[in-house]
């Protein structure tokens, strides 16, 4: 999965608007200033059949957007989905299929979205 994460990071950072709105990170630091986006592997681990190179289990990733205002969160969501919906990654011709978007504001007035993608190679 390291190769998939590196391909996603490169694709994310290649978009100056998106990367300028919020940095993408693998882990969230509690004291990190918002806005930021955290990427998680939520299901599957990209298990491959070594004989055919077919994916036996397709990985799902989640982008978690954290922001101080609704406007910030919405701008990042719009840029992220514009960039990643049906995007082709440089990793083995894989592409991203959006599966879900969930958003809310928590008790500390932090706005967030979770955006789930299936990584497929068809």
N, C-alpha and C. Protein backbone atom coordinates (compact mmCIF):
# COMPACT_ATOMS: atom_id res chain seq x y z
N UNK A 1 0.81 -1.21 0.00
CA UNK A 1 0.00 0.00 0.00
C UNK A 1 0.85 1.26 0.00
N UNK A 2 2.12 1.13 0.34
CA UNK A 2 2.99 2.30 0.35
C UNK A 2 2.99 2.97 -1.02
N UNK A 3 3.05 2.18 -2.09
CA UNK A 3 3.05 2.74 -3.44
C UNK A 3 1.75 3.48 -3.75
N UNK A 4 0.63 2.94 -3.27
CA UNK A 4 -0.67 3.60 -3.49
C UNK A 4 -0.69 4.94 -2.76
N UNK A 5 -0.27 4.95 -1.49
CA UNK A 5 -0.25 6.20 -0.73
C UNK A 5 0.69 7.23 -1.37
N UNK A 6 1.83 6.78 -1.86
CA UNK A 6 2.76 7.71 -2.52
C UNK A 6 2.16 8.27 -3.80
N UNK A 7 1.45 7.45 -4.56
CA UNK A 7 0.79 7.92 -5.78
C UNK A 7 -0.30 8.93 -5.45
N UNK A 8 -1.06 8.67 -4.38
CA UNK A 8 -2.12 9.59 -3.97
C UNK A 8 -1.53 10.91 -3.50
N UNK A 9 -0.48 10.83 -2.69
CA UNK A 9 0.18 12.05 -2.21
C UNK A 9 0.71 12.88 -3.37
N UNK A 10 1.36 12.24 -4.33
CA UNK A 10 1.88 12.97 -5.49
C UNK A 10 0.76 13.61 -6.29
N UNK A 11 -0.34 12.87 -6.48
CA UNK A 11 -1.48 13.39 -7.24
C UNK A 11 -2.13 14.56 -6.50
N UNK A 12 -2.26 14.45 -5.19
CA UNK A 12 -2.83 15.51 -4.35
C UNK A 12 -1.96 16.76 -4.44
N UNK A 13 -0.66 16.60 -4.23
CA UNK A 13 0.25 17.75 -4.20
C UNK A 13 0.46 18.38 -5.56
N UNK A 14 0.17 17.66 -6.63
CA UNK A 14 0.30 18.22 -7.98
C UNK A 14 -0.77 19.26 -8.27
N UNK A 15 -1.85 19.25 -7.50
CA UNK A 15 -2.92 20.24 -7.65
C UNK A 15 -2.61 21.39 -6.69
N UNK A 16 -2.14 22.51 -7.25
CA UNK A 16 -1.72 23.64 -6.43
C UNK A 16 -2.88 24.21 -5.62
N UNK A 17 -4.08 24.24 -6.19
CA UNK A 17 -5.23 24.75 -5.46
C UNK A 17 -5.54 23.87 -4.26
N UNK A 18 -5.63 22.56 -4.47
CA UNK A 18 -5.96 21.64 -3.39
C UNK A 18 -4.88 21.61 -2.32
N UNK A 19 -3.64 21.45 -2.71
CA UNK A 19 -2.57 21.39 -1.71
C UNK A 19 -2.38 22.73 -1.02
N UNK A 20 -2.75 23.82 -1.69
CA UNK A 20 -2.68 25.13 -1.05
C UNK A 20 -3.78 25.35 -0.02
N UNK A 21 -4.91 24.67 -0.19
CA UNK A 21 -6.00 24.80 0.78
C UNK A 21 -5.72 24.05 2.08
N UNK A 22 -5.11 22.87 1.97
CA UNK A 22 -4.86 22.05 3.17
C UNK A 22 -3.80 21.00 2.86
N UNK A 23 -2.85 20.79 3.77
CA UNK A 23 -1.87 19.73 3.55
C UNK A 23 -2.50 18.35 3.74
N UNK A 24 -1.97 17.37 3.03
CA UNK A 24 -2.39 15.97 3.17
C UNK A 24 -1.39 15.26 4.05
N UNK A 25 -1.86 14.53 5.05
CA UNK A 25 -0.96 13.81 5.94
C UNK A 25 -1.52 12.42 6.23
N UNK A 26 -0.64 11.53 6.66
CA UNK A 26 -1.04 10.16 6.99
C UNK A 26 -1.58 10.06 8.41
N UNK A 27 -1.10 10.94 9.28
CA UNK A 27 -1.52 10.90 10.68
C UNK A 27 -1.87 12.30 11.13
N UNK A 28 -2.82 12.39 12.02
CA UNK A 28 -3.26 13.68 12.53
C UNK A 28 -2.57 13.96 13.85
N UNK A 29 -1.93 15.11 13.95
CA UNK A 29 -1.35 15.55 15.21
C UNK A 29 -2.40 16.38 15.95
N UNK A 30 -2.61 16.10 17.22
CA UNK A 30 -3.65 16.79 17.98
C UNK A 30 -3.45 18.30 18.01
N UNK A 31 -2.22 18.74 17.96
CA UNK A 31 -1.96 20.18 18.04
C UNK A 31 -1.77 20.83 16.67
N UNK A 32 -2.01 20.07 15.60
CA UNK A 32 -1.80 20.61 14.26
C UNK A 32 -2.88 21.64 13.93
N UNK A 33 -2.44 22.74 13.34
CA UNK A 33 -3.38 23.79 12.97
C UNK A 33 -4.26 23.33 11.82
N UNK A 34 -5.53 23.65 11.88
CA UNK A 34 -6.46 23.34 10.80
C UNK A 34 -6.44 24.48 9.79
N UNK A 35 -6.77 24.23 8.54
CA UNK A 35 -7.31 22.99 7.98
C UNK A 35 -6.21 22.01 7.60
N UNK A 36 -6.58 20.73 7.55
CA UNK A 36 -5.71 19.69 7.05
C UNK A 36 -6.57 18.52 6.61
N UNK A 37 -5.96 17.61 5.85
CA UNK A 37 -6.63 16.41 5.35
C UNK A 37 -5.78 15.21 5.76
N UNK A 38 -6.45 14.20 6.33
CA UNK A 38 -5.77 12.97 6.73
C UNK A 38 -6.27 11.85 5.82
N UNK A 39 -5.36 11.01 5.36
CA UNK A 39 -5.73 9.87 4.52
C UNK A 39 -5.61 8.59 5.33
N UNK A 40 -6.62 7.73 5.19
CA UNK A 40 -6.66 6.45 5.91
C UNK A 40 -6.97 5.33 4.93
N UNK A 41 -6.46 4.16 5.21
CA UNK A 41 -6.90 2.94 4.54
C UNK A 41 -8.05 2.42 5.39
N UNK A 42 -9.25 2.32 4.82
CA UNK A 42 -10.41 1.93 5.62
C UNK A 42 -10.85 0.50 5.41
N UNK A 43 -10.46 -0.11 4.30
CA UNK A 43 -10.88 -1.49 4.03
C UNK A 43 -9.99 -2.07 2.95
N UNK A 44 -9.69 -3.34 3.09
CA UNK A 44 -8.86 -3.97 2.09
C UNK A 44 -7.42 -3.52 2.22
N UNK A 45 -6.55 -4.28 1.67
CA UNK A 45 -5.15 -3.89 1.71
C UNK A 45 -4.46 -4.11 0.37
N UNK A 46 -5.24 -4.21 -0.68
CA UNK A 46 -4.67 -4.36 -2.00
C UNK A 46 -3.91 -5.67 -2.16
N UNK A 47 -4.47 -6.77 -1.68
CA UNK A 47 -3.82 -8.07 -1.79
C UNK A 47 -3.81 -8.49 -3.26
N UNK A 48 -2.65 -8.88 -3.76
CA UNK A 48 -2.50 -9.23 -5.17
C UNK A 48 -2.23 -10.73 -5.33
N UNK A 49 -2.72 -11.26 -6.43
CA UNK A 49 -2.40 -12.62 -6.84
C UNK A 49 -1.08 -12.53 -7.60
N UNK A 50 -0.04 -13.16 -7.09
CA UNK A 50 1.28 -13.00 -7.69
C UNK A 50 1.38 -13.63 -9.08
N UNK A 51 0.52 -14.58 -9.39
CA UNK A 51 0.56 -15.22 -10.71
C UNK A 51 -0.09 -14.35 -11.78
N UNK A 52 -1.23 -13.76 -11.46
CA UNK A 52 -1.97 -13.00 -12.47
C UNK A 52 -1.89 -11.49 -12.27
N UNK A 53 -1.38 -11.07 -11.13
CA UNK A 53 -1.30 -9.66 -10.76
C UNK A 53 -2.67 -9.01 -10.62
N UNK A 54 -3.70 -9.82 -10.43
CA UNK A 54 -5.04 -9.30 -10.20
C UNK A 54 -5.19 -8.89 -8.74
N UNK A 55 -5.96 -7.86 -8.50
CA UNK A 55 -6.25 -7.47 -7.12
C UNK A 55 -7.29 -8.44 -6.57
N UNK A 56 -6.98 -9.08 -5.46
CA UNK A 56 -7.93 -9.99 -4.83
C UNK A 56 -8.86 -9.25 -3.88
N UNK A 57 -8.35 -8.23 -3.27
CA UNK A 57 -9.17 -7.40 -2.39
C UNK A 57 -8.83 -5.95 -2.70
N UNK A 58 -9.83 -5.19 -3.12
CA UNK A 58 -9.60 -3.81 -3.53
C UNK A 58 -9.59 -2.90 -2.31
N UNK A 59 -8.60 -2.03 -2.22
CA UNK A 59 -8.52 -1.14 -1.07
C UNK A 59 -9.50 0.03 -1.18
N UNK A 60 -10.00 0.45 -0.03
CA UNK A 60 -10.78 1.67 0.10
C UNK A 60 -9.95 2.64 0.92
N UNK A 61 -9.94 3.89 0.49
CA UNK A 61 -9.25 4.93 1.25
C UNK A 61 -10.27 5.98 1.67
N UNK A 62 -9.93 6.70 2.71
CA UNK A 62 -10.79 7.79 3.18
C UNK A 62 -9.94 9.02 3.38
N UNK A 63 -10.42 10.13 2.85
CA UNK A 63 -9.85 11.43 3.14
C UNK A 63 -10.72 12.05 4.23
N UNK A 64 -10.10 12.47 5.33
CA UNK A 64 -10.81 13.16 6.40
C UNK A 64 -10.38 14.61 6.38
N UNK A 65 -11.33 15.49 6.13
CA UNK A 65 -11.08 16.93 6.03
C UNK A 65 -11.45 17.57 7.36
N UNK A 66 -10.53 18.34 7.93
CA UNK A 66 -10.75 19.01 9.20
C UNK A 66 -10.51 20.50 9.01
N UNK A 67 -11.49 21.33 9.39
CA UNK A 67 -11.39 22.78 9.17
C UNK A 67 -12.10 23.52 10.29
N UNK A 68 -11.79 24.81 10.42
CA UNK A 68 -12.40 25.64 11.46
C UNK A 68 -13.72 26.25 11.04
N UNK A 69 -13.99 26.33 9.74
CA UNK A 69 -15.24 26.92 9.26
C UNK A 69 -15.87 26.04 8.20
N UNK A 70 -17.15 26.20 8.03
CA UNK A 70 -17.86 25.46 7.00
C UNK A 70 -17.34 25.85 5.61
N UNK A 71 -17.05 27.13 5.42
CA UNK A 71 -16.57 27.59 4.11
C UNK A 71 -15.23 26.93 3.75
N UNK A 72 -14.34 26.83 4.73
CA UNK A 72 -13.05 26.16 4.52
C UNK A 72 -13.25 24.69 4.16
N UNK A 73 -14.07 24.00 4.94
CA UNK A 73 -14.33 22.58 4.71
C UNK A 73 -14.96 22.35 3.34
N UNK A 74 -15.93 23.21 2.98
CA UNK A 74 -16.60 23.08 1.67
C UNK A 74 -15.63 23.31 0.51
N UNK A 75 -14.76 24.30 0.65
CA UNK A 75 -13.79 24.58 -0.42
C UNK A 75 -12.84 23.41 -0.62
N UNK A 76 -12.38 22.82 0.49
CA UNK A 76 -11.48 21.67 0.40
C UNK A 76 -12.21 20.47 -0.20
N UNK A 77 -13.45 20.22 0.25
CA UNK A 77 -14.24 19.12 -0.29
C UNK A 77 -14.43 19.27 -1.79
N UNK A 78 -14.78 20.47 -2.24
CA UNK A 78 -14.99 20.71 -3.68
C UNK A 78 -13.71 20.47 -4.47
N UNK A 79 -12.58 20.96 -3.97
CA UNK A 79 -11.31 20.77 -4.67
C UNK A 79 -10.89 19.30 -4.66
N UNK A 80 -11.10 18.62 -3.53
CA UNK A 80 -10.71 17.22 -3.42
C UNK A 80 -11.54 16.33 -4.33
N UNK A 81 -12.85 16.49 -4.32
CA UNK A 81 -13.70 15.64 -5.17
C UNK A 81 -13.50 15.98 -6.64
N UNK A 82 -13.24 17.24 -6.95
CA UNK A 82 -12.95 17.61 -8.33
C UNK A 82 -11.67 16.94 -8.81
N UNK A 83 -10.70 16.83 -7.94
CA UNK A 83 -9.41 16.24 -8.29
C UNK A 83 -9.45 14.71 -8.32
N UNK A 84 -10.15 14.08 -7.37
CA UNK A 84 -10.06 12.63 -7.22
C UNK A 84 -11.21 11.83 -7.80
N UNK A 85 -12.37 12.42 -8.04
CA UNK A 85 -13.46 11.64 -8.63
C UNK A 85 -13.03 11.09 -9.99
N UNK A 86 -13.03 9.76 -10.10
CA UNK A 86 -12.65 9.06 -11.32
C UNK A 86 -11.23 9.38 -11.79
N UNK A 87 -10.36 9.74 -10.86
CA UNK A 87 -8.98 10.07 -11.18
C UNK A 87 -8.18 8.81 -11.49
N UNK A 88 -7.27 8.91 -12.43
CA UNK A 88 -6.35 7.83 -12.74
C UNK A 88 -5.03 8.12 -12.04
N UNK A 89 -4.57 7.18 -11.22
CA UNK A 89 -3.32 7.33 -10.50
C UNK A 89 -2.18 6.71 -11.30
N UNK A 90 -0.98 7.14 -11.03
CA UNK A 90 0.18 6.59 -11.73
C UNK A 90 0.55 5.21 -11.21
N UNK A 91 -0.12 4.75 -10.18
CA UNK A 91 0.16 3.45 -9.59
C UNK A 91 -0.59 2.37 -10.35
N UNK A 92 0.06 1.64 -11.19
CA UNK A 92 -0.51 0.50 -11.94
C UNK A 92 -1.82 0.82 -12.64
N UNK A 93 -2.00 2.04 -13.09
CA UNK A 93 -3.22 2.41 -13.80
C UNK A 93 -4.46 2.40 -12.93
N UNK A 94 -4.28 2.47 -11.62
CA UNK A 94 -5.42 2.47 -10.70
C UNK A 94 -6.20 3.77 -10.81
N UNK A 95 -7.48 3.69 -10.50
CA UNK A 95 -8.27 4.92 -10.47
C UNK A 95 -9.18 4.93 -9.25
N UNK A 96 -9.70 6.12 -8.95
CA UNK A 96 -10.49 6.36 -7.73
C UNK A 96 -11.96 6.46 -8.08
N UNK A 97 -12.78 5.69 -7.39
CA UNK A 97 -14.23 5.76 -7.53
C UNK A 97 -14.82 6.22 -6.20
N UNK A 98 -15.45 7.41 -6.19
CA UNK A 98 -16.00 7.90 -4.93
C UNK A 98 -17.16 7.02 -4.50
N UNK A 99 -17.18 6.66 -3.21
CA UNK A 99 -18.21 5.79 -2.66
C UNK A 99 -19.15 6.52 -1.70
N UNK A 100 -18.64 7.52 -0.98
CA UNK A 100 -19.42 8.10 0.09
C UNK A 100 -18.84 9.45 0.50
N UNK A 101 -19.71 10.36 0.96
CA UNK A 101 -19.29 11.62 1.58
C UNK A 101 -20.17 11.84 2.80
N UNK A 102 -19.55 12.06 3.95
CA UNK A 102 -20.28 12.34 5.19
C UNK A 102 -19.65 13.57 5.81
N UNK A 103 -20.46 14.50 6.29
CA UNK A 103 -19.92 15.70 6.91
C UNK A 103 -20.76 16.16 8.07
N UNK A 104 -20.13 16.94 8.95
CA UNK A 104 -20.83 17.45 10.13
C UNK A 104 -19.93 18.46 10.83
N UNK A 105 -20.41 18.98 11.93
CA UNK A 105 -19.61 19.84 12.81
C UNK A 105 -19.63 19.20 14.19
N UNK A 106 -18.48 19.15 14.85
CA UNK A 106 -18.45 18.49 16.16
C UNK A 106 -18.74 19.49 17.28
N UNK A 107 -18.69 19.01 18.51
CA UNK A 107 -19.05 19.84 19.67
C UNK A 107 -18.07 20.98 19.90
N UNK A 108 -16.92 20.95 19.29
CA UNK A 108 -15.94 22.04 19.44
C UNK A 108 -15.95 22.96 18.22
N UNK A 109 -17.01 22.90 17.44
CA UNK A 109 -17.18 23.72 16.23
C UNK A 109 -16.08 23.49 15.20
N UNK A 110 -15.65 22.24 15.09
CA UNK A 110 -14.70 21.86 14.05
C UNK A 110 -15.50 21.20 12.94
N UNK A 111 -15.35 21.70 11.73
CA UNK A 111 -16.07 21.17 10.58
C UNK A 111 -15.26 20.06 9.96
N UNK A 112 -15.94 19.00 9.53
CA UNK A 112 -15.23 17.89 8.90
C UNK A 112 -16.08 17.21 7.85
N UNK A 113 -15.38 16.57 6.92
CA UNK A 113 -15.97 15.68 5.92
C UNK A 113 -15.12 14.42 5.90
N UNK A 114 -15.75 13.30 5.61
CA UNK A 114 -15.05 12.06 5.32
C UNK A 114 -15.48 11.65 3.91
N UNK A 115 -14.51 11.47 3.02
CA UNK A 115 -14.77 11.12 1.63
C UNK A 115 -14.09 9.77 1.36
N UNK A 116 -14.90 8.77 0.95
CA UNK A 116 -14.39 7.42 0.73
C UNK A 116 -14.26 7.14 -0.76
N UNK A 117 -13.14 6.50 -1.13
CA UNK A 117 -12.89 6.09 -2.50
C UNK A 117 -12.47 4.64 -2.56
N UNK A 118 -12.94 3.94 -3.58
CA UNK A 118 -12.45 2.62 -3.91
C UNK A 118 -11.32 2.81 -4.89
N UNK A 119 -10.19 2.14 -4.65
CA UNK A 119 -9.07 2.15 -5.58
C UNK A 119 -9.19 0.92 -6.46
N UNK A 120 -9.41 1.12 -7.74
CA UNK A 120 -9.64 0.01 -8.67
C UNK A 120 -8.61 0.06 -9.78
N UNK A 121 -8.41 -1.03 -10.44
CA UNK A 121 -7.43 -1.04 -11.54
C UNK A 121 -8.00 -1.52 -12.86
N UNK A 122 -9.30 -1.35 -13.05
CA UNK A 122 -9.91 -1.82 -14.30
C UNK A 122 -9.76 -0.81 -15.39
